[in-house]
Every structure is written in structure tokens, then in C-alpha cells.
Amino acid sequence: MGDEIPYCTGVDLVVFKQHADGLIEIDAEIFCETAGQKAAIIGSKGARLKSIGSAARKQISIVFESPVRLSQRVKVKKGWASDRRALASLGYGSR
């Protein structure tokens, strides 16, 4: 699978807050359609999710020039990618 993630993957930032000391706190939920996709995102012993988190933390820290605390969870939500309400809650859809 290499660097690919399942095409039907979405991310919801539940918390995105910058503290007075400059620390950026992010709590992200990663959505996918099936348990198999979840396993692919997490990887063997969590290695893939850890790698994704480390890369994201590094890039966010560069963009905001601040330290970042990132927590991530992967959730299976069958049909989320074709559910208009779910898509709208993630910022997708017509305006």
C-alpha cells in the first residue's frame, strides 16, 4: 500500500486550539468506510498512524511556527462519504 490511504477517508478536527504559551492542540478524528480501511490506516502495531501523525505534526509546526500536540483516532462510519449531512458537517457540499 505504500504511502496511499483509502480514497474514502475524511478528517474532522474536533479541537483546534492555540494556548497562551503558543502550543497548538489538535484532536482529529479520521473516518473511513470499513474495518479493513481502518486497519490499513492504523497499520501494523499502529506504525502507519504514528507515521501519519508525526508527519502532520511536523508540517503543522512549520506552518504555525509553534509546537503541536496532536491526538488522532480512526473511526469506521459506513456510508459517511455518501451522506449529505455527514459531508456538510465536514465542510463539504454546496453553499
PDB file of N, CA and C in Angstrom:
ATOM      1  N   MET A   1       0.820  -1.193   0.000  1.00  0.00           N
ATOM      2  CA  MET A   1       0.000   0.000   0.000  1.00  0.00           C
ATOM      3  C   MET A   1       0.867   1.262   0.000  1.00  0.00           C
ATOM      4  N   GLY A   2       2.085   1.183   0.444  1.00  0.00           N
ATOM      5  CA  GLY A   2       2.983   2.329   0.380  1.00  0.00           C
ATOM      6  C   GLY A   2       2.456   3.531   1.125  1.00  0.00           C
ATOM      7  N   ASP A   3       2.509   4.698   0.471  1.00  0.00           N
ATOM      8  CA  ASP A   3       2.068   5.940   1.101  1.00  0.00           C
ATOM      9  C   ASP A   3       0.590   6.224   0.892  1.00  0.00           C
ATOM     10  N   GLU A   4      -0.119   5.326   0.236  1.00  0.00           N
ATOM     11  CA  GLU A   4      -1.527   5.559  -0.062  1.00  0.00           C
ATOM     12  C   GLU A   4      -2.396   5.311   1.163  1.00  0.00           C
ATOM     13  N   ILE A   5      -3.481   6.064   1.244  1.00  0.00           N
ATOM     14  CA  ILE A   5      -4.516   5.801   2.235  1.00  0.00           C
ATOM     15  C   ILE A   5      -5.801   5.543   1.457  1.00  0.00           C
ATOM     16  N   PRO A   6      -6.779   4.885   2.056  1.00  0.00           N
ATOM     17  CA  PRO A   6      -8.024   4.610   1.334  1.00  0.00           C
ATOM     18  C   PRO A   6      -8.651   5.904   0.795  1.00  0.00           C
ATOM     19  N   TYR A   7      -9.179   5.837  -0.435  1.00  0.00           N
ATOM     20  CA  TYR A   7      -9.726   7.037  -1.068  1.00  0.00           C
ATOM     21  C   TYR A   7     -10.924   7.598  -0.318  1.00  0.00           C
ATOM     22  N   CYS A   8     -11.616   6.782   0.405  1.00  0.00           N
ATOM     23  CA  CYS A   8     -12.821   7.205   1.124  1.00  0.00           C
ATOM     24  C   CYS A   8     -12.474   7.521   2.581  1.00  0.00           C
ATOM     25  N   THR A   9     -11.544   8.443   2.775  1.00  0.00           N
ATOM     26  CA  THR A   9     -11.078   8.811   4.108  1.00  0.00           C
ATOM     27  C   THR A   9     -11.327  10.296   4.321  1.00  0.00           C
ATOM     28  N   GLY A  10     -11.790  10.646   5.511  1.00  0.00           N
ATOM     29  CA  GLY A  10     -12.030  12.042   5.851  1.00  0.00           C
ATOM     30  C   GLY A  10     -11.479  12.342   7.228  1.00  0.00           C
ATOM     31  N   VAL A  11     -11.292  13.625   7.508  1.00  0.00           N
ATOM     32  CA  VAL A  11     -10.766  14.042   8.806  1.00  0.00           C
ATOM     33  C   VAL A  11     -11.634  15.162   9.357  1.00  0.00           C
ATOM     34  N   ASP A  12     -11.992  15.038  10.631  1.00  0.00           N
ATOM     35  CA  ASP A  12     -12.728  16.084  11.339  1.00  0.00           C
ATOM     36  C   ASP A  12     -11.846  16.576  12.477  1.00  0.00           C
ATOM     37  N   LEU A  13     -11.557  17.872  12.495  1.00  0.00           N
ATOM     38  CA  LEU A  13     -10.783  18.442  13.594  1.00  0.00           C
ATOM     39  C   LEU A  13     -11.751  18.796  14.712  1.00  0.00           C
ATOM     40  N   VAL A  14     -11.802  17.956  15.723  1.00  0.00           N
ATOM     41  CA  VAL A  14     -12.717  18.136  16.846  1.00  0.00           C
ATOM     42  C   VAL A  14     -12.250  19.303  17.709  1.00  0.00           C
ATOM     43  N   VAL A  15     -10.943  19.409  17.900  1.00  0.00           N
ATOM     44  CA  VAL A  15     -10.347  20.513  18.658  1.00  0.00           C
ATOM     45  C   VAL A  15      -9.196  21.070  17.841  1.00  0.00           C
ATOM     46  N   PHE A  16      -9.155  22.391  17.713  1.00  0.00           N
ATOM     47  CA  PHE A  16      -8.010  23.095  17.127  1.00  0.00           C
ATOM     48  C   PHE A  16      -7.871  24.372  17.934  1.00  0.00           C
ATOM     49  N   LYS A  17      -6.918  24.360  18.863  1.00  0.00           N
ATOM     50  CA  LYS A  17      -6.811  25.471  19.802  1.00  0.00           C
ATOM     51  C   LYS A  17      -5.350  25.840  19.994  1.00  0.00           C
ATOM     52  N   GLN A  18      -5.070  27.151  20.037  1.00  0.00           N
ATOM     53  CA  GLN A  18      -3.721  27.600  20.366  1.00  0.00           C
ATOM     54  C   GLN A  18      -3.745  28.163  21.779  1.00  0.00           C
ATOM     55  N   HIS A  19      -2.915  27.605  22.630  1.00  0.00           N
ATOM     56  CA  HIS A  19      -2.845  28.013  24.030  1.00  0.00           C
ATOM     57  C   HIS A  19      -1.988  29.270  24.176  1.00  0.00           C
ATOM     58  N   ALA A  20      -2.099  29.920  25.325  1.00  0.00           N
ATOM     59  CA  ALA A  20      -1.360  31.156  25.592  1.00  0.00           C
ATOM     60  C   ALA A  20       0.150  30.967  25.458  1.00  0.00           C
ATOM     61  N   ASP A  21       0.642  29.773  25.767  1.00  0.00           N
ATOM     62  CA  ASP A  21       2.081  29.508  25.650  1.00  0.00           C
ATOM     63  C   ASP A  21       2.512  29.196  24.216  1.00  0.00           C
ATOM     64  N   GLY A  22       1.559  29.244  23.268  1.00  0.00           N
ATOM     65  CA  GLY A  22       1.861  29.010  21.856  1.00  0.00           C
ATOM     66  C   GLY A  22       1.591  27.597  21.379  1.00  0.00           C
ATOM     67  N   LEU A  23       1.445  26.662  22.306  1.00  0.00           N
ATOM     68  CA  LEU A  23       1.186  25.274  21.934  1.00  0.00           C
ATOM     69  C   LEU A  23      -0.124  25.160  21.162  1.00  0.00           C
ATOM     70  N   ILE A  24      -0.089  24.442  20.054  1.00  0.00           N
ATOM     71  CA  ILE A  24      -1.300  24.178  19.282  1.00  0.00           C
ATOM     72  C   ILE A  24      -1.770  22.774  19.626  1.00  0.00           C
ATOM     73  N   GLU A  25      -3.025  22.678  20.057  1.00  0.00           N
ATOM     74  CA  GLU A  25      -3.624  21.396  20.427  1.00  0.00           C
ATOM     75  C   GLU A  25      -4.640  21.006  19.360  1.00  0.00           C
ATOM     76  N   ILE A  26      -4.477  19.818  18.803  1.00  0.00           N
ATOM     77  CA  ILE A  26      -5.380  19.326  17.764  1.00  0.00           C
ATOM     78  C   ILE A  26      -5.855  17.931  18.140  1.00  0.00           C
ATOM     79  N   ASP A  27      -7.164  17.749  18.064  1.00  0.00           N
ATOM     80  CA  ASP A  27      -7.774  16.438  18.275  1.00  0.00           C
ATOM     81  C   ASP A  27      -8.490  16.100  16.973  1.00  0.00           C
ATOM     82  N   ALA A  28      -7.997  15.100  16.264  1.00  0.00           N
ATOM     83  CA  ALA A  28      -8.521  14.761  14.940  1.00  0.00           C
ATOM     84  C   ALA A  28      -9.165  13.382  14.931  1.00  0.00           C
ATOM     85  N   GLU A  29     -10.311  13.293  14.261  1.00  0.00           N
ATOM     86  CA  GLU A  29     -10.964  12.009  14.026  1.00  0.00           C
ATOM     87  C   GLU A  29     -10.840  11.698  12.539  1.00  0.00           C
ATOM     88  N   ILE A  30     -10.306  10.546  12.240  1.00  0.00           N
ATOM     89  CA  ILE A  30     -10.137  10.098  10.861  1.00  0.00           C
ATOM     90  C   ILE A  30     -11.240   9.089  10.575  1.00  0.00           C
ATOM     91  N   PHE A  31     -12.031   9.352   9.534  1.00  0.00           N
ATOM     92  CA  PHE A  31     -13.151   8.488   9.182  1.00  0.00           C
ATOM     93  C   PHE A  31     -12.818   7.638   7.968  1.00  0.00           C
ATOM     94  N   CYS A  32     -13.300   6.406   7.997  1.00  0.00           N
ATOM     95  CA  CYS A  32     -13.194   5.526   6.842  1.00  0.00           C
ATOM     96  C   CYS A  32     -14.470   4.691   6.770  1.00  0.00           C
ATOM     97  N   GLU A  33     -14.627   3.922   5.699  1.00  0.00           N
ATOM     98  CA  GLU A  33     -15.871   3.184   5.448  1.00  0.00           C
ATOM     99  C   GLU A  33     -15.903   1.776   6.030  1.00  0.00           C
ATOM    100  N   THR A  34     -14.743   1.127   6.158  1.00  0.00           N
ATOM    101  CA  THR A  34     -14.733  -0.284   6.566  1.00  0.00           C
ATOM    102  C   THR A  34     -13.651  -0.558   7.615  1.00  0.00           C
ATOM    103  N   ALA A  35     -13.819  -1.677   8.306  1.00  0.00           N
ATOM    104  CA  ALA A  35     -12.815  -2.099   9.286  1.00  0.00           C
ATOM    105  C   ALA A  35     -11.478  -2.381   8.606  1.00  0.00           C
ATOM    106  N   GLY A  36     -11.523  -2.885   7.369  1.00  0.00           N
ATOM    107  CA  GLY A  36     -10.293  -3.134   6.620  1.00  0.00           C
ATOM    108  C   GLY A  36      -9.533  -1.849   6.325  1.00  0.00           C
ATOM    109  N   GLN A  37     -10.276  -0.792   5.977  1.00  0.00           N
ATOM    110  CA  GLN A  37      -9.643   0.506   5.736  1.00  0.00           C
ATOM    111  C   GLN A  37      -9.046   1.051   7.030  1.00  0.00           C
ATOM    112  N   LYS A  38      -9.770   0.865   8.131  1.00  0.00           N
ATOM    113  CA  LYS A  38      -9.263   1.313   9.431  1.00  0.00           C
ATOM    114  C   LYS A  38      -7.942   0.618   9.747  1.00  0.00           C
ATOM    115  N   ALA A  39      -7.902  -0.689   9.534  1.00  0.00           N
ATOM    116  CA  ALA A  39      -6.675  -1.446   9.786  1.00  0.00           C
ATOM    117  C   ALA A  39      -5.533  -0.950   8.903  1.00  0.00           C
ATOM    118  N   ALA A  40      -5.839  -0.603   7.651  1.00  0.00           N
ATOM    119  CA  ALA A  40      -4.812  -0.105   6.729  1.00  0.00           C
ATOM    120  C   ALA A  40      -4.274   1.251   7.187  1.00  0.00           C
ATOM    121  N   ILE A  41      -5.148   2.101   7.694  1.00  0.00           N
ATOM    122  CA  ILE A  41      -4.727   3.422   8.170  1.00  0.00           C
ATOM    123  C   ILE A  41      -3.868   3.286   9.424  1.00  0.00           C
ATOM    124  N   ILE A  42      -4.276   2.416  10.337  1.00  0.00           N
ATOM    125  CA  ILE A  42      -3.537   2.233  11.589  1.00  0.00           C
ATOM    126  C   ILE A  42      -2.211   1.519  11.351  1.00  0.00           C
ATOM    127  N   GLY A  43      -2.222   0.505  10.491  1.00  0.00           N
ATOM    128  CA  GLY A  43      -1.006  -0.235  10.184  1.00  0.00           C
ATOM    129  C   GLY A  43      -0.629  -1.214  11.283  1.00  0.00           C
ATOM    130  N   SER A  44       0.417  -1.950  11.036  1.00  0.00           N
ATOM    131  CA  SER A  44       0.895  -2.965  11.972  1.00  0.00           C
ATOM    132  C   SER A  44       1.367  -2.315  13.267  1.00  0.00           C
ATOM    133  N   LYS A  45       0.738  -2.682  14.365  1.00  0.00           N
ATOM    134  CA  LYS A  45       1.063  -2.166  15.700  1.00  0.00           C
ATOM    135  C   LYS A  45       0.986  -0.637  15.769  1.00  0.00           C
ATOM    136  N   GLY A  46       0.153  -0.028  14.920  1.00  0.00           N
ATOM    137  CA  GLY A  46      -0.040   1.420  14.941  1.00  0.00           C
ATOM    138  C   GLY A  46       1.037   2.213  14.235  1.00  0.00           C
ATOM    139  N   ALA A  47       1.942   1.529  13.551  1.00  0.00           N
ATOM    140  CA  ALA A  47       3.089   2.204  12.932  1.00  0.00           C
ATOM    141  C   ALA A  47       2.682   3.209  11.862  1.00  0.00           C
ATOM    142  N   ARG A  48       1.690   2.868  11.061  1.00  0.00           N
ATOM    143  CA  ARG A  48       1.286   3.764   9.972  1.00  0.00           C
ATOM    144  C   ARG A  48       0.638   5.028  10.518  1.00  0.00           C
ATOM    145  N   LEU A  49      -0.254   4.874  11.499  1.00  0.00           N
ATOM    146  CA  LEU A  49      -0.908   6.036  12.102  1.00  0.00           C
ATOM    147  C   LEU A  49       0.120   6.914  12.812  1.00  0.00           C
ATOM    148  N   LYS A  50       1.087   6.300  13.452  1.00  0.00           N
ATOM    149  CA  LYS A  50       2.151   7.054  14.115  1.00  0.00           C
ATOM    150  C   LYS A  50       2.943   7.863  13.094  1.00  0.00           C
ATOM    151  N   SER A  51       3.241   7.252  11.955  1.00  0.00           N
ATOM    152  CA  SER A  51       3.975   7.936  10.896  1.00  0.00           C
ATOM    153  C   SER A  51       3.168   9.106  10.332  1.00  0.00           C
ATOM    154  N   ILE A  52       1.872   8.876  10.111  1.00  0.00           N
ATOM    155  CA  ILE A  52       0.989   9.944   9.623  1.00  0.00           C
ATOM    156  C   ILE A  52       0.968  11.093  10.626  1.00  0.00           C
ATOM    157  N   GLY A  53       0.822  10.764  11.908  1.00  0.00           N
ATOM    158  CA  GLY A  53       0.778  11.782  12.959  1.00  0.00           C
ATOM    159  C   GLY A  53       2.072  12.565  13.066  1.00  0.00           C
ATOM    160  N   SER A  54       3.192  11.879  12.985  1.00  0.00           N
ATOM    161  CA  SER A  54       4.494  12.550  13.071  1.00  0.00           C
ATOM    162  C   SER A  54       4.691  13.521  11.916  1.00  0.00           C
ATOM    163  N   ALA A  55       4.342  13.085  10.710  1.00  0.00           N
ATOM    164  CA  ALA A  55       4.479  13.953   9.534  1.00  0.00           C
ATOM    165  C   ALA A  55       3.545  15.157   9.640  1.00  0.00           C
ATOM    166  N   ALA A  56       2.313  14.922  10.078  1.00  0.00           N
ATOM    167  CA  ALA A  56       1.350  16.018  10.224  1.00  0.00           C
ATOM    168  C   ALA A  56       1.826  17.011  11.276  1.00  0.00           C
ATOM    169  N   ARG A  57       2.280  16.503  12.409  1.00  0.00           N
ATOM    170  CA  ARG A  57       2.775  17.347  13.500  1.00  0.00           C
ATOM    171  C   ARG A  57       3.911  18.243  13.007  1.00  0.00           C
ATOM    172  N   LYS A  58       4.831  17.656  12.263  1.00  0.00           N
ATOM    173  CA  LYS A  58       5.984  18.400  11.751  1.00  0.00           C
ATOM    174  C   LYS A  58       5.536  19.516  10.805  1.00  0.00           C
ATOM    175  N   GLN A  59       4.655  19.193   9.860  1.00  0.00           N
ATOM    176  CA  GLN A  59       4.196  20.192   8.893  1.00  0.00           C
ATOM    177  C   GLN A  59       3.389  21.307   9.562  1.00  0.00           C
ATOM    178  N   ILE A  60       2.513  20.944  10.483  1.00  0.00           N
ATOM    179  CA  ILE A  60       1.700  21.949  11.179  1.00  0.00           C
ATOM    180  C   ILE A  60       2.597  22.866  12.001  1.00  0.00           C
ATOM    181  N   SER A  61       3.598  22.296  12.649  1.00  0.00           N
ATOM    182  CA  SER A  61       4.536  23.078  13.445  1.00  0.00           C
ATOM    183  C   SER A  61       5.299  24.079  12.578  1.00  0.00           C
ATOM    184  N   ILE A  62       5.656  23.670  11.377  1.00  0.00           N
ATOM    185  CA  ILE A  62       6.350  24.566  10.447  1.00  0.00           C
ATOM    186  C   ILE A  62       5.426  25.699  10.014  1.00  0.00           C
ATOM    187  N   VAL A  63       4.201  25.365   9.640  1.00  0.00           N
ATOM    188  CA  VAL A  63       3.249  26.376   9.160  1.00  0.00           C
ATOM    189  C   VAL A  63       2.940  27.410  10.243  1.00  0.00           C
ATOM    190  N   PHE A  64       2.682  26.950  11.460  1.00  0.00           N
ATOM    191  CA  PHE A  64       2.274  27.852  12.536  1.00  0.00           C
ATOM    192  C   PHE A  64       3.436  28.327  13.403  1.00  0.00           C
ATOM    193  N   GLU A  65       4.632  27.806  13.139  1.00  0.00           N
ATOM    194  CA  GLU A  65       5.825  28.173  13.903  1.00  0.00           C
ATOM    195  C   GLU A  65       5.590  28.027  15.403  1.00  0.00           C
ATOM    196  N   SER A  66       4.956  26.921  15.789  1.00  0.00           N
ATOM    197  CA  SER A  66       4.637  26.626  17.187  1.00  0.00           C
ATOM    198  C   SER A  66       4.689  25.121  17.408  1.00  0.00           C
ATOM    199  N   PRO A  67       4.917  24.711  18.652  1.00  0.00           N
ATOM    200  CA  PRO A  67       4.845  23.275  18.938  1.00  0.00           C
ATOM    201  C   PRO A  67       3.408  22.778  18.818  1.00  0.00           C
ATOM    202  N   VAL A  68       3.253  21.500  18.491  1.00  0.00           N
ATOM    203  CA  VAL A  68       1.926  20.926  18.238  1.00  0.00           C
ATOM    204  C   VAL A  68       1.741  19.659  19.068  1.00  0.00           C
ATOM    205  N   ARG A  69       0.569  19.554  19.699  1.00  0.00           N
ATOM    206  CA  ARG A  69       0.152  18.301  20.338  1.00  0.00           C
ATOM    207  C   ARG A  69      -1.025  17.789  19.523  1.00  0.00           C
ATOM    208  N   LEU A  70      -0.848  16.637  18.905  1.00  0.00           N
ATOM    209  CA  LEU A  70      -1.853  16.075  18.010  1.00  0.00           C
ATOM    210  C   LEU A  70      -2.298  14.718  18.519  1.00  0.00           C
ATOM    211  N   SER A  71      -3.601  14.565  18.701  1.00  0.00           N
ATOM    212  CA  SER A  71      -4.141  13.240  19.010  1.00  0.00           C
ATOM    213  C   SER A  71      -5.061  12.847  17.860  1.00  0.00           C
ATOM    214  N   GLN A  72      -5.053  11.559  17.525  1.00  0.00           N
ATOM    215  CA  GLN A  72      -5.817  11.072  16.379  1.00  0.00           C
ATOM    216  C   GLN A  72      -6.534   9.788  16.751  1.00  0.00           C
ATOM    217  N   ARG A  73      -7.728   9.654  16.211  1.00  0.00           N
ATOM    218  CA  ARG A  73      -8.499   8.422  16.348  1.00  0.00           C
ATOM    219  C   ARG A  73      -9.033   8.059  14.975  1.00  0.00           C
ATOM    220  N   VAL A  74      -9.087   6.775  14.701  1.00  0.00           N
ATOM    221  CA  VAL A  74      -9.653   6.305  13.438  1.00  0.00           C
ATOM    222  C   VAL A  74     -10.990   5.651  13.750  1.00  0.00           C
ATOM    223  N   LYS A  75     -12.035   6.075  13.028  1.00  0.00           N
ATOM    224  CA  LYS A  75     -13.382   5.553  13.251  1.00  0.00           C
ATOM    225  C   LYS A  75     -13.980   5.045  11.948  1.00  0.00           C
ATOM    226  N   VAL A  76     -14.685   3.928  12.045  1.00  0.00           N
ATOM    227  CA  VAL A  76     -15.429   3.402  10.902  1.00  0.00           C
ATOM    228  C   VAL A  76     -16.818   4.014  10.935  1.00  0.00           C
ATOM    229  N   LYS A  77     -17.191   4.682   9.838  1.00  0.00           N
ATOM    230  CA  LYS A  77     -18.537   5.237   9.681  1.00  0.00           C
ATOM    231  C   LYS A  77     -19.030   4.827   8.306  1.00  0.00           C
ATOM    232  N   LYS A  78     -19.705   3.702   8.258  1.00  0.00           N
ATOM    233  CA  LYS A  78     -20.189   3.190   6.971  1.00  0.00           C
ATOM    234  C   LYS A  78     -21.086   4.224   6.295  1.00  0.00           C
ATOM    235  N   GLY A  79     -20.819   4.464   5.023  1.00  0.00           N
ATOM    236  CA  GLY A  79     -21.647   5.354   4.225  1.00  0.00           C
ATOM    237  C   GLY A  79     -21.449   6.834   4.468  1.00  0.00           C
ATOM    238  N   TRP A  80     -20.471   7.231   5.264  1.00  0.00           N
ATOM    239  CA  TRP A  80     -20.308   8.648   5.570  1.00  0.00           C
ATOM    240  C   TRP A  80     -20.029   9.474   4.315  1.00  0.00           C
ATOM    241  N   ALA A  81     -19.310   8.904   3.358  1.00  0.00           N
ATOM    242  CA  ALA A  81     -18.916   9.659   2.168  1.00  0.00           C
ATOM    243  C   ALA A  81     -20.073   9.927   1.213  1.00  0.00           C
ATOM    244  N   SER A  82     -21.197   9.237   1.384  1.00  0.00           N
ATOM    245  CA  SER A  82     -22.363   9.495   0.536  1.00  0.00           C
ATOM    246  C   SER A  82     -23.525  10.085   1.342  1.00  0.00           C
ATOM    247  N   ASP A  83     -23.282  10.446   2.581  1.00  0.00           N
ATOM    248  CA  ASP A  83     -24.298  11.038   3.453  1.00  0.00           C
ATOM    249  C   ASP A  83     -24.140  12.562   3.426  1.00  0.00           C
ATOM    250  N   ARG A  84     -25.125  13.243   2.860  1.00  0.00           N
ATOM    251  CA  ARG A  84     -25.027  14.703   2.702  1.00  0.00           C
ATOM    252  C   ARG A  84     -24.813  15.430   4.022  1.00  0.00           C
ATOM    253  N   ARG A  85     -25.491  14.980   5.072  1.00  0.00           N
ATOM    254  CA  ARG A  85     -25.327  15.638   6.375  1.00  0.00           C
ATOM    255  C   ARG A  85     -23.912  15.436   6.917  1.00  0.00           C
ATOM    256  N   ALA A  86     -23.395  14.225   6.776  1.00  0.00           N
ATOM    257  CA  ALA A  86     -22.031  13.954   7.242  1.00  0.00           C
ATOM    258  C   ALA A  86     -21.028  14.801   6.464  1.00  0.00           C
ATOM    259  N   LEU A  87     -21.209  14.885   5.154  1.00  0.00           N
ATOM    260  CA  LEU A  87     -20.312  15.694   4.326  1.00  0.00           C
ATOM    261  C   LEU A  87     -20.412  17.173   4.686  1.00  0.00           C
ATOM    262  N   ALA A  88     -21.633  17.659   4.902  1.00  0.00           N
ATOM    263  CA  ALA A  88     -21.828  19.063   5.269  1.00  0.00           C
ATOM    264  C   ALA A  88     -21.161  19.373   6.608  1.00  0.00           C
ATOM    265  N   SER A  89     -21.231  18.437   7.552  1.00  0.00           N
ATOM    266  CA  SER A  89     -20.622  18.672   8.864  1.00  0.00           C
ATOM    267  C   SER A  89     -19.098  18.756   8.772  1.00  0.00           C
ATOM    268  N   LEU A  90     -18.527  18.190   7.712  1.00  0.00           N
ATOM    269  CA  LEU A  90     -17.085  18.254   7.493  1.00  0.00           C
ATOM    270  C   LEU A  90     -16.693  19.396   6.558  1.00  0.00           C
ATOM    271  N   GLY A  91     -17.665  20.207   6.157  1.00  0.00           N
ATOM    272  CA  GLY A  91     -17.375  21.362   5.317  1.00  0.00           C
ATOM    273  C   GLY A  91     -17.480  21.118   3.829  1.00  0.00           C
ATOM    274  N   TYR A  92     -17.988  19.946   3.429  1.00  0.00           N
ATOM    275  CA  TYR A  92     -18.160  19.645   2.012  1.00  0.00           C
ATOM    276  C   TYR A  92     -19.594  19.948   1.599  1.00  0.00           C
ATOM    277  N   GLY A  93     -19.788  20.259   0.344  1.00  0.00           N
ATOM    278  CA  GLY A  93     -21.138  20.471  -0.161  1.00  0.00           C
ATOM    279  C   GLY A  93     -21.299  21.850  -0.758  1.00  0.00           C
ATOM    280  N   SER A  94     -22.466  22.066  -1.337  1.00  0.00           N
ATOM    281  CA  SER A  94     -22.734  23.355  -1.983  1.00  0.00           C
ATOM    282  C   SER A  94     -23.116  24.386  -0.942  1.00  0.00           C
ATOM    283  N   ARG A  95     -22.880  25.623  -1.298  1.00  0.00           N
ATOM    284  CA  ARG A  95     -23.209  26.740  -0.400  1.00  0.00           C
ATOM    285  C   ARG A  95     -24.275  27.576  -1.020  1.00  0.00           C
TER     286      ARG A  95
END
